[in-house]
Amino acid sequence: LVSATAEETETDLTSNANTNNGGGERSNRSNQRSNNKPDSSRSIHTTRSKQILKQPTAQVFQTHPTANTTTTTTFTMSSAITETCPASAPFFGFMGVTSALVFANIGAAYGTAKSGVGISSMGVMNPGLVMRNIIPVVMAGVLGIYGLIVAVIIQGSITAPQGGVSAYSLYTGFAHLAAGLCCGLSGLAAGMAIGIVGDAGVRAVGQQEKLFVGMILILIFAEALGLYGLIVALILSQNSYECGAN
């Protein structure tokens, strides 16, 4: 029994060894076959990586940001110029020219007409005082000269568009409009004052010549209103900003 059991044990060990040897040989063969097979996925990835490395990555990452930055900067500058110097900006400058001349002439015309009516009425009773009392008419006419001066200065500062681009800014247009309104409306107010004072003063001087000095002083202060507007208009007309100058 002992010998039979020993023989069976040896037989089992031999069969296990053969089995292990056979399995090892099979695994070795399978490994060799797998190694001999071409790895297509590895070759594809290797080829792609080589192509990516060969590409000019520096140019790709440098060109696009530069182009975008240039485009953005150009768009920002053009939009800023369009907002600062639109095509409608000269309109305000020419409106300043119109305001200065028209309103000042309206005041001068009213003062001249009103004073002229008084001089004519007074001249019927005392013709010798007509030339002496013509001073209100002269002072009213000076207001029109104020408006003419400001209008010429503003018109000379308005620049025409060059190459389809206007260098005349909104800032300059608003300044010129303000200058024209200051001079024109001040001249209008002064002309109304001179006309009313001249009419009543000339009639009074025709009856009492001692009132002549008082009438002249009143006319001087009325004329000063137009002079104030002229001074401010000259200061405002010097304020300007040209697009593209900086």
C-alpha atoms as a PDB file:
ATOM      1  CA  LEU A   1       0.000   0.000   0.000  1.00  0.00           C
ATOM      2  CA  VAL A   2       2.796   2.353   0.870  1.00  0.00           C
ATOM      3  CA  SER A   3       4.594   1.667  -2.395  1.00  0.00           C
ATOM      4  CA  ALA A   4       1.425   2.110  -4.422  1.00  0.00           C
ATOM      5  CA  THR A   5       0.728   5.440  -2.746  1.00  0.00           C
ATOM      6  CA  ALA A   6       4.284   6.642  -3.416  1.00  0.00           C
ATOM      7  CA  GLU A   7       4.011   5.716  -7.074  1.00  0.00           C
ATOM      8  CA  GLU A   8       0.747   7.603  -7.431  1.00  0.00           C
ATOM      9  CA  THR A   9       2.276  10.678  -5.773  1.00  0.00           C
ATOM     10  CA  GLU A  10       5.243  10.625  -8.153  1.00  0.00           C
ATOM     11  CA  THR A  11       2.900  10.264 -11.111  1.00  0.00           C
ATOM     12  CA  ASP A  12       0.884  13.303  -9.987  1.00  0.00           C
ATOM     13  CA  LEU A  13       3.985  15.427  -9.492  1.00  0.00           C
ATOM     14  CA  THR A  14       5.272  14.484 -12.941  1.00  0.00           C
ATOM     15  CA  SER A  15       1.994  15.360 -14.611  1.00  0.00           C
ATOM     16  CA  ASN A  16       1.850  18.721 -12.780  1.00  0.00           C
ATOM     17  CA  ALA A  17       5.379  19.541 -13.846  1.00  0.00           C
ATOM     18  CA  ASN A  18       4.580  18.700 -17.459  1.00  0.00           C
ATOM     19  CA  THR A  19       1.474  20.829 -17.254  1.00  0.00           C
ATOM     20  CA  ASN A  20       3.396  23.765 -15.826  1.00  0.00           C
ATOM     21  CA  ASN A  21       6.058  23.433 -18.483  1.00  0.00           C
ATOM     22  CA  GLY A  22       3.464  23.330 -21.204  1.00  0.00           C
ATOM     23  CA  GLY A  23       1.693  26.390 -19.828  1.00  0.00           C
ATOM     24  CA  GLY A  24       4.950  28.328 -19.616  1.00  0.00           C
ATOM     25  CA  GLU A  25       5.838  27.432 -23.171  1.00  0.00           C
ATOM     26  CA  ARG A  26       2.397  28.498 -24.338  1.00  0.00           C
ATOM     27  CA  SER A  27       2.659  31.826 -22.506  1.00  0.00           C
ATOM     28  CA  ASN A  28       6.111  32.421 -23.954  1.00  0.00           C
ATOM     29  CA  ARG A  29       4.832  31.676 -27.458  1.00  0.00           C
ATOM     30  CA  SER A  30       1.874  34.014 -27.016  1.00  0.00           C
ATOM     31  CA  ASN A  31       4.191  36.743 -25.763  1.00  0.00           C
ATOM     32  CA  GLN A  32       6.457  36.267 -28.754  1.00  0.00           C
ATOM     33  CA  ARG A  33       3.489  36.445 -31.124  1.00  0.00           C
ATOM     34  CA  SER A  34       2.189  39.571 -29.441  1.00  0.00           C
ATOM     35  CA  ASN A  35       5.619  41.155 -29.671  1.00  0.00           C
ATOM     36  CA  ASN A  36       5.945  40.213 -33.321  1.00  0.00           C
ATOM     37  CA  LYS A  37       2.566  41.858 -34.198  1.00  0.00           C
ATOM     38  CA  PRO A  38       2.866  45.515 -35.420  1.00  0.00           C
ATOM     39  CA  ASP A  39       1.361  47.949 -32.919  1.00  0.00           C
ATOM     40  CA  SER A  40      -0.644  50.209 -35.254  1.00  0.00           C
ATOM     41  CA  SER A  41      -2.016  52.450 -32.496  1.00  0.00           C
ATOM     42  CA  ARG A  42       1.467  53.215 -31.172  1.00  0.00           C
ATOM     43  CA  SER A  43       2.760  54.037 -34.629  1.00  0.00           C
ATOM     44  CA  ILE A  44      -0.188  56.363 -35.278  1.00  0.00           C
ATOM     45  CA  HIS A  45       0.315  58.246 -32.012  1.00  0.00           C
ATOM     46  CA  THR A  46       4.035  58.518 -32.633  1.00  0.00           C
ATOM     47  CA  THR A  47       3.475  59.929 -36.127  1.00  0.00           C
ATOM     48  CA  ARG A  48       0.972  62.482 -34.867  1.00  0.00           C
ATOM     49  CA  SER A  49       3.248  63.625 -32.066  1.00  0.00           C
ATOM     50  CA  LYS A  50       6.096  64.101 -34.539  1.00  0.00           C
ATOM     51  CA  GLN A  51       3.854  66.165 -36.816  1.00  0.00           C
ATOM     52  CA  ILE A  52       2.729  68.351 -33.905  1.00  0.00           C
ATOM     53  CA  LEU A  53       6.324  68.915 -32.840  1.00  0.00           C
ATOM     54  CA  LYS A  54       7.287  69.860 -36.387  1.00  0.00           C
ATOM     55  CA  GLN A  55       4.533  72.532 -36.591  1.00  0.00           C
ATOM     56  CA  PRO A  56       5.592  76.190 -35.940  1.00  0.00           C
ATOM     57  CA  THR A  57       3.804  76.481 -32.613  1.00  0.00           C
ATOM     58  CA  ALA A  58       5.521  79.765 -31.805  1.00  0.00           C
ATOM     59  CA  GLN A  59       4.035  81.403 -34.887  1.00  0.00           C
ATOM     60  CA  VAL A  60       0.579  80.033 -34.144  1.00  0.00           C
ATOM     61  CA  PHE A  61       0.517  81.349 -30.596  1.00  0.00           C
ATOM     62  CA  GLN A  62       2.087  84.696 -31.529  1.00  0.00           C
ATOM     63  CA  THR A  63       0.233  85.598 -34.692  1.00  0.00           C
ATOM     64  CA  HIS A  64      -3.356  85.328 -33.518  1.00  0.00           C
ATOM     65  CA  PRO A  65      -3.091  87.395 -30.316  1.00  0.00           C
ATOM     66  CA  THR A  66      -1.212  90.111 -32.195  1.00  0.00           C
ATOM     67  CA  ALA A  67      -3.846  90.252 -34.899  1.00  0.00           C
ATOM     68  CA  ASN A  68      -6.660  90.352 -32.364  1.00  0.00           C
ATOM     69  CA  THR A  69      -4.925  93.083 -30.377  1.00  0.00           C
ATOM     70  CA  THR A  70      -4.323  95.169 -33.500  1.00  0.00           C
ATOM     71  CA  THR A  71      -7.920  94.773 -34.616  1.00  0.00           C
ATOM     72  CA  THR A  72      -9.263  95.690 -31.187  1.00  0.00           C
ATOM     73  CA  THR A  73      -6.989  98.725 -30.914  1.00  0.00           C
ATOM     74  CA  THR A  74      -7.949  99.954 -34.390  1.00  0.00           C
ATOM     75  CA  PHE A  75     -11.649  99.505 -33.668  1.00  0.00           C
ATOM     76  CA  THR A  76     -11.347 101.346 -30.356  1.00  0.00           C
ATOM     77  CA  MET A  77      -9.453 104.269 -31.899  1.00  0.00           C
ATOM     78  CA  SER A  78     -11.862 104.582 -34.824  1.00  0.00           C
ATOM     79  CA  SER A  79     -14.895 104.475 -32.553  1.00  0.00           C
ATOM     80  CA  ALA A  80     -13.346 107.070 -30.237  1.00  0.00           C
ATOM     81  CA  ILE A  81     -12.594 109.371 -33.178  1.00  0.00           C
ATOM     82  CA  THR A  82     -16.133 108.919 -34.501  1.00  0.00           C
ATOM     83  CA  GLU A  83     -17.639 109.843 -31.135  1.00  0.00           C
ATOM     84  CA  THR A  84     -15.311 112.788 -30.541  1.00  0.00           C
ATOM     85  CA  CYS A  85     -15.350 114.206 -34.079  1.00  0.00           C
ATOM     86  CA  PRO A  86     -18.628 113.199 -35.739  1.00  0.00           C
ATOM     87  CA  ALA A  87     -19.761 114.582 -39.068  1.00  0.00           C
ATOM     88  CA  SER A  88     -22.342 116.754 -37.296  1.00  0.00           C
ATOM     89  CA  ALA A  89     -19.768 118.656 -35.206  1.00  0.00           C
ATOM     90  CA  PRO A  90     -19.327 121.573 -37.691  1.00  0.00           C
ATOM     91  CA  PHE A  91     -23.079 122.182 -37.447  1.00  0.00           C
ATOM     92  CA  PHE A  92     -22.653 123.563 -33.934  1.00  0.00           C
ATOM     93  CA  GLY A  93     -19.806 125.803 -35.064  1.00  0.00           C
ATOM     94  CA  PHE A  94     -21.853 127.309 -37.885  1.00  0.00           C
ATOM     95  CA  MET A  95     -24.786 127.751 -35.527  1.00  0.00           C
ATOM     96  CA  GLY A  96     -22.452 129.776 -33.318  1.00  0.00           C
ATOM     97  CA  VAL A  97     -21.581 131.973 -36.299  1.00  0.00           C
ATOM     98  CA  THR A  98     -25.263 132.454 -37.087  1.00  0.00           C
ATOM     99  CA  SER A  99     -26.218 133.174 -33.480  1.00  0.00           C
ATOM    100  CA  ALA A 100     -23.517 135.792 -32.989  1.00  0.00           C
ATOM    101  CA  LEU A 101     -24.350 137.749 -36.120  1.00  0.00           C
ATOM    102  CA  VAL A 102     -28.140 137.396 -36.244  1.00  0.00           C
ATOM    103  CA  PHE A 103     -28.985 138.154 -32.611  1.00  0.00           C
ATOM    104  CA  ALA A 104     -26.502 141.032 -32.440  1.00  0.00           C
ATOM    105  CA  ASN A 105     -27.976 142.546 -35.599  1.00  0.00           C
ATOM    106  CA  ILE A 106     -31.502 142.143 -34.245  1.00  0.00           C
ATOM    107  CA  GLY A 107     -30.513 144.103 -31.145  1.00  0.00           C
ATOM    108  CA  ALA A 108     -28.757 146.737 -33.233  1.00  0.00           C
ATOM    109  CA  ALA A 109     -31.751 147.081 -35.537  1.00  0.00           C
ATOM    110  CA  TYR A 110     -34.195 147.454 -32.661  1.00  0.00           C
ATOM    111  CA  GLY A 111     -32.008 150.056 -30.923  1.00  0.00           C
ATOM    112  CA  THR A 112     -31.542 152.015 -34.135  1.00  0.00           C
ATOM    113  CA  ALA A 113     -35.229 151.982 -35.006  1.00  0.00           C
ATOM    114  CA  LYS A 114     -36.439 152.889 -31.537  1.00  0.00           C
ATOM    115  CA  SER A 115     -33.919 155.713 -31.140  1.00  0.00           C
ATOM    116  CA  GLY A 116     -34.620 156.944 -34.662  1.00  0.00           C
ATOM    117  CA  VAL A 117     -38.313 157.309 -33.903  1.00  0.00           C
ATOM    118  CA  GLY A 118     -37.503 159.446 -30.862  1.00  0.00           C
ATOM    119  CA  ILE A 119     -35.017 161.598 -32.795  1.00  0.00           C
ATOM    120  CA  SER A 120     -37.550 162.212 -35.552  1.00  0.00           C
ATOM    121  CA  SER A 121     -40.217 163.277 -33.081  1.00  0.00           C
ATOM    122  CA  MET A 122     -37.790 165.569 -31.246  1.00  0.00           C
ATOM    123  CA  GLY A 123     -36.429 167.051 -34.503  1.00  0.00           C
ATOM    124  CA  VAL A 124     -39.818 168.471 -35.386  1.00  0.00           C
ATOM    125  CA  MET A 125     -39.732 170.738 -32.331  1.00  0.00           C
ATOM    126  CA  ASN A 126     -35.960 171.384 -32.152  1.00  0.00           C
ATOM    127  CA  PRO A 127     -34.116 170.569 -35.406  1.00  0.00           C
ATOM    128  CA  GLY A 128     -30.792 171.881 -34.076  1.00  0.00           C
ATOM    129  CA  LEU A 129     -30.429 168.993 -31.613  1.00  0.00           C
ATOM    130  CA  VAL A 130     -30.786 166.189 -34.165  1.00  0.00           C
ATOM    131  CA  MET A 131     -27.045 165.694 -34.800  1.00  0.00           C
ATOM    132  CA  ARG A 132     -26.261 165.928 -31.096  1.00  0.00           C
ATOM    133  CA  ASN A 133     -28.866 163.344 -30.137  1.00  0.00           C
ATOM    134  CA  ILE A 134     -27.877 160.856 -32.826  1.00  0.00           C
ATOM    135  CA  ILE A 135     -25.491 159.165 -30.366  1.00  0.00           C
ATOM    136  CA  PRO A 136     -27.984 156.372 -29.407  1.00  0.00           C
ATOM    137  CA  VAL A 137     -28.172 155.313 -33.059  1.00  0.00           C
ATOM    138  CA  VAL A 138     -24.369 155.073 -33.288  1.00  0.00           C
ATOM    139  CA  MET A 139     -24.095 153.067 -30.087  1.00  0.00           C
ATOM    140  CA  ALA A 140     -26.782 150.660 -31.268  1.00  0.00           C
ATOM    141  CA  GLY A 141     -24.936 150.119 -34.544  1.00  0.00           C
ATOM    142  CA  VAL A 142     -21.749 149.141 -32.688  1.00  0.00           C
ATOM    143  CA  LEU A 143     -23.532 146.025 -31.399  1.00  0.00           C
ATOM    144  CA  GLY A 144     -23.725 144.686 -34.942  1.00  0.00           C
ATOM    145  CA  ILE A 145     -19.948 145.106 -35.251  1.00  0.00           C
ATOM    146  CA  TYR A 146     -19.476 142.983 -32.123  1.00  0.00           C
ATOM    147  CA  GLY A 147     -21.479 140.177 -33.687  1.00  0.00           C
ATOM    148  CA  LEU A 148     -19.566 140.497 -36.960  1.00  0.00           C
ATOM    149  CA  ILE A 149     -16.196 140.205 -35.211  1.00  0.00           C
ATOM    150  CA  VAL A 150     -17.158 137.051 -33.311  1.00  0.00           C
ATOM    151  CA  ALA A 151     -18.755 135.473 -36.389  1.00  0.00           C
ATOM    152  CA  VAL A 152     -15.607 135.974 -38.478  1.00  0.00           C
ATOM    153  CA  ILE A 153     -13.361 134.537 -35.746  1.00  0.00           C
ATOM    154  CA  ILE A 154     -15.520 131.440 -35.287  1.00  0.00           C
ATOM    155  CA  GLN A 155     -15.863 130.855 -39.023  1.00  0.00           C
ATOM    156  CA  GLY A 156     -12.094 130.953 -39.445  1.00  0.00           C
ATOM    157  CA  SER A 157     -11.684 128.236 -36.808  1.00  0.00           C
ATOM    158  CA  ILE A 158     -14.004 125.734 -38.501  1.00  0.00           C
ATOM    159  CA  THR A 159     -11.966 123.204 -40.499  1.00  0.00           C
ATOM    160  CA  ALA A 160     -13.299 121.243 -43.442  1.00  0.00           C
ATOM    161  CA  PRO A 161     -13.089 117.404 -43.480  1.00  0.00           C
ATOM    162  CA  GLN A 162      -9.957 116.007 -45.112  1.00  0.00           C
ATOM    163  CA  GLY A 163     -10.078 112.602 -46.755  1.00  0.00           C
ATOM    164  CA  GLY A 164     -13.553 111.929 -45.425  1.00  0.00           C
ATOM    165  CA  VAL A 165     -12.396 112.400 -41.817  1.00  0.00           C
ATOM    166  CA  SER A 166     -13.416 115.438 -39.768  1.00  0.00           C
ATOM    167  CA  ALA A 167     -10.825 116.957 -37.443  1.00  0.00           C
ATOM    168  CA  TYR A 168     -13.398 119.365 -35.983  1.00  0.00           C
ATOM    169  CA  SER A 169     -14.466 117.972 -32.605  1.00  0.00           C
ATOM    170  CA  LEU A 170     -17.671 118.281 -30.627  1.00  0.00           C
ATOM    171  CA  TYR A 171     -15.755 120.118 -27.918  1.00  0.00           C
ATOM    172  CA  THR A 172     -14.776 122.840 -30.375  1.00  0.00           C
ATOM    173  CA  GLY A 173     -18.283 122.969 -31.822  1.00  0.00           C
ATOM    174  CA  PHE A 174     -19.898 123.441 -28.419  1.00  0.00           C
ATOM    175  CA  ALA A 175     -17.353 126.126 -27.495  1.00  0.00           C
ATOM    176  CA  HIS A 176     -18.060 128.040 -30.702  1.00  0.00           C
ATOM    177  CA  LEU A 177     -21.805 127.707 -30.214  1.00  0.00           C
ATOM    178  CA  ALA A 178     -21.491 129.073 -26.677  1.00  0.00           C
ATOM    179  CA  ALA A 179     -19.360 131.973 -27.938  1.00  0.00           C
ATOM    180  CA  GLY A 180     -21.907 132.880 -30.582  1.00  0.00           C
ATOM    181  CA  LEU A 181     -24.804 132.752 -28.139  1.00  0.00           C
ATOM    182  CA  CYS A 182     -22.941 134.868 -25.574  1.00  0.00           C
ATOM    183  CA  CYS A 183     -22.206 137.609 -28.052  1.00  0.00           C
ATOM    184  CA  GLY A 184     -25.512 137.476 -29.912  1.00  0.00           C
ATOM    185  CA  LEU A 185     -27.882 137.384 -26.957  1.00  0.00           C
ATOM    186  CA  SER A 186     -25.858 140.001 -25.073  1.00  0.00           C
ATOM    187  CA  GLY A 187     -26.041 142.254 -28.115  1.00  0.00           C
ATOM    188  CA  LEU A 188     -29.784 141.662 -28.365  1.00  0.00           C
ATOM    189  CA  ALA A 189     -30.326 142.690 -24.742  1.00  0.00           C
ATOM    190  CA  ALA A 190     -28.067 145.716 -25.093  1.00  0.00           C
ATOM    191  CA  GLY A 191     -29.851 146.811 -28.265  1.00  0.00           C
ATOM    192  CA  MET A 192     -33.245 146.679 -26.580  1.00  0.00           C
ATOM    193  CA  ALA A 193     -31.924 148.741 -23.666  1.00  0.00           C
ATOM    194  CA  ILE A 194     -30.315 151.323 -25.956  1.00  0.00           C
ATOM    195  CA  GLY A 195     -33.471 151.655 -28.025  1.00  0.00           C
ATOM    196  CA  ILE A 196     -35.763 152.271 -25.070  1.00  0.00           C
ATOM    197  CA  VAL A 197     -33.346 154.649 -23.327  1.00  0.00           C
ATOM    198  CA  GLY A 198     -32.558 156.487 -26.569  1.00  0.00           C
ATOM    199  CA  ASP A 199     -36.201 157.051 -27.439  1.00  0.00           C
ATOM    200  CA  ALA A 200     -37.162 158.447 -24.046  1.00  0.00           C
ATOM    201  CA  GLY A 201     -33.859 160.294 -23.538  1.00  0.00           C
ATOM    202  CA  VAL A 202     -33.896 162.093 -26.869  1.00  0.00           C
ATOM    203  CA  ARG A 203     -37.443 163.333 -26.288  1.00  0.00           C
ATOM    204  CA  ALA A 204     -36.447 164.560 -22.817  1.00  0.00           C
ATOM    205  CA  VAL A 205     -33.304 166.308 -24.092  1.00  0.00           C
ATOM    206  CA  GLY A 206     -35.416 168.100 -26.695  1.00  0.00           C
ATOM    207  CA  GLN A 207     -37.340 169.723 -23.873  1.00  0.00           C
ATOM    208  CA  GLN A 208     -34.479 170.035 -21.329  1.00  0.00           C
ATOM    209  CA  GLU A 209     -30.887 170.005 -22.635  1.00  0.00           C
ATOM    210  CA  LYS A 210     -29.436 169.489 -19.156  1.00  0.00           C
ATOM    211  CA  LEU A 211     -30.550 165.843 -19.337  1.00  0.00           C
ATOM    212  CA  PHE A 212     -28.077 165.096 -22.133  1.00  0.00           C
ATOM    213  CA  VAL A 213     -25.209 163.946 -19.866  1.00  0.00           C
ATOM    214  CA  GLY A 214     -27.497 161.665 -17.889  1.00  0.00           C
ATOM    215  CA  MET A 215     -28.797 160.084 -21.089  1.00  0.00           C
ATOM    216  CA  ILE A 216     -25.237 159.403 -22.304  1.00  0.00           C
ATOM    217  CA  LEU A 217     -24.276 157.696 -19.039  1.00  0.00           C
ATOM    218  CA  ILE A 218     -27.308 155.420 -19.235  1.00  0.00           C
ATOM    219  CA  LEU A 219     -26.450 154.533 -22.825  1.00  0.00           C
ATOM    220  CA  ILE A 220     -22.856 153.690 -21.839  1.00  0.00           C
ATOM    221  CA  PHE A 221     -23.959 151.183 -19.219  1.00  0.00           C
ATOM    222  CA  ALA A 222     -26.433 149.667 -21.671  1.00  0.00           C
ATOM    223  CA  GLU A 223     -23.654 149.318 -24.239  1.00  0.00           C
ATOM    224  CA  ALA A 224     -21.457 147.591 -21.661  1.00  0.00           C
ATOM    225  CA  LEU A 225     -23.809 144.585 -21.718  1.00  0.00           C
ATOM    226  CA  GLY A 226     -22.859 143.859 -25.310  1.00  0.00           C
ATOM    227  CA  LEU A 227     -19.183 144.418 -24.517  1.00  0.00           C
ATOM    228  CA  TYR A 228     -19.301 141.796 -21.769  1.00  0.00           C
ATOM    229  CA  GLY A 229     -20.701 139.273 -24.207  1.00  0.00           C
ATOM    230  CA  LEU A 230     -17.974 140.125 -26.728  1.00  0.00           C
ATOM    231  CA  ILE A 231     -15.188 139.530 -24.193  1.00  0.00           C
ATOM    232  CA  VAL A 232     -16.536 136.146 -23.104  1.00  0.00           C
ATOM    233  CA  ALA A 233     -17.145 135.134 -26.726  1.00  0.00           C
ATOM    234  CA  LEU A 234     -13.535 135.884 -27.648  1.00  0.00           C
ATOM    235  CA  ILE A 235     -12.311 133.735 -24.753  1.00  0.00           C
ATOM    236  CA  LEU A 236     -14.598 130.825 -25.630  1.00  0.00           C
ATOM    237  CA  SER A 237     -13.638 130.919 -29.302  1.00  0.00           C
ATOM    238  CA  GLN A 238     -10.046 130.049 -28.360  1.00  0.00           C
ATOM    239  CA  ASN A 239     -11.050 126.707 -26.819  1.00  0.00           C
ATOM    240  CA  SER A 240     -10.496 123.992 -29.396  1.00  0.00           C
ATOM    241  CA  TYR A 241      -9.550 120.324 -29.760  1.00  0.00           C
ATOM    242  CA  GLU A 242      -8.513 118.683 -33.029  1.00  0.00           C
ATOM    243  CA  CYS A 243      -8.921 114.955 -33.521  1.00  0.00           C
ATOM    244  CA  GLY A 244      -5.633 113.245 -34.333  1.00  0.00           C
ATOM    245  CA  ALA A 245      -3.549 116.134 -33.012  1.00  0.00           C
ATOM    246  CA  ASN A 246      -2.220 114.006 -30.111  1.00  0.00           C
END
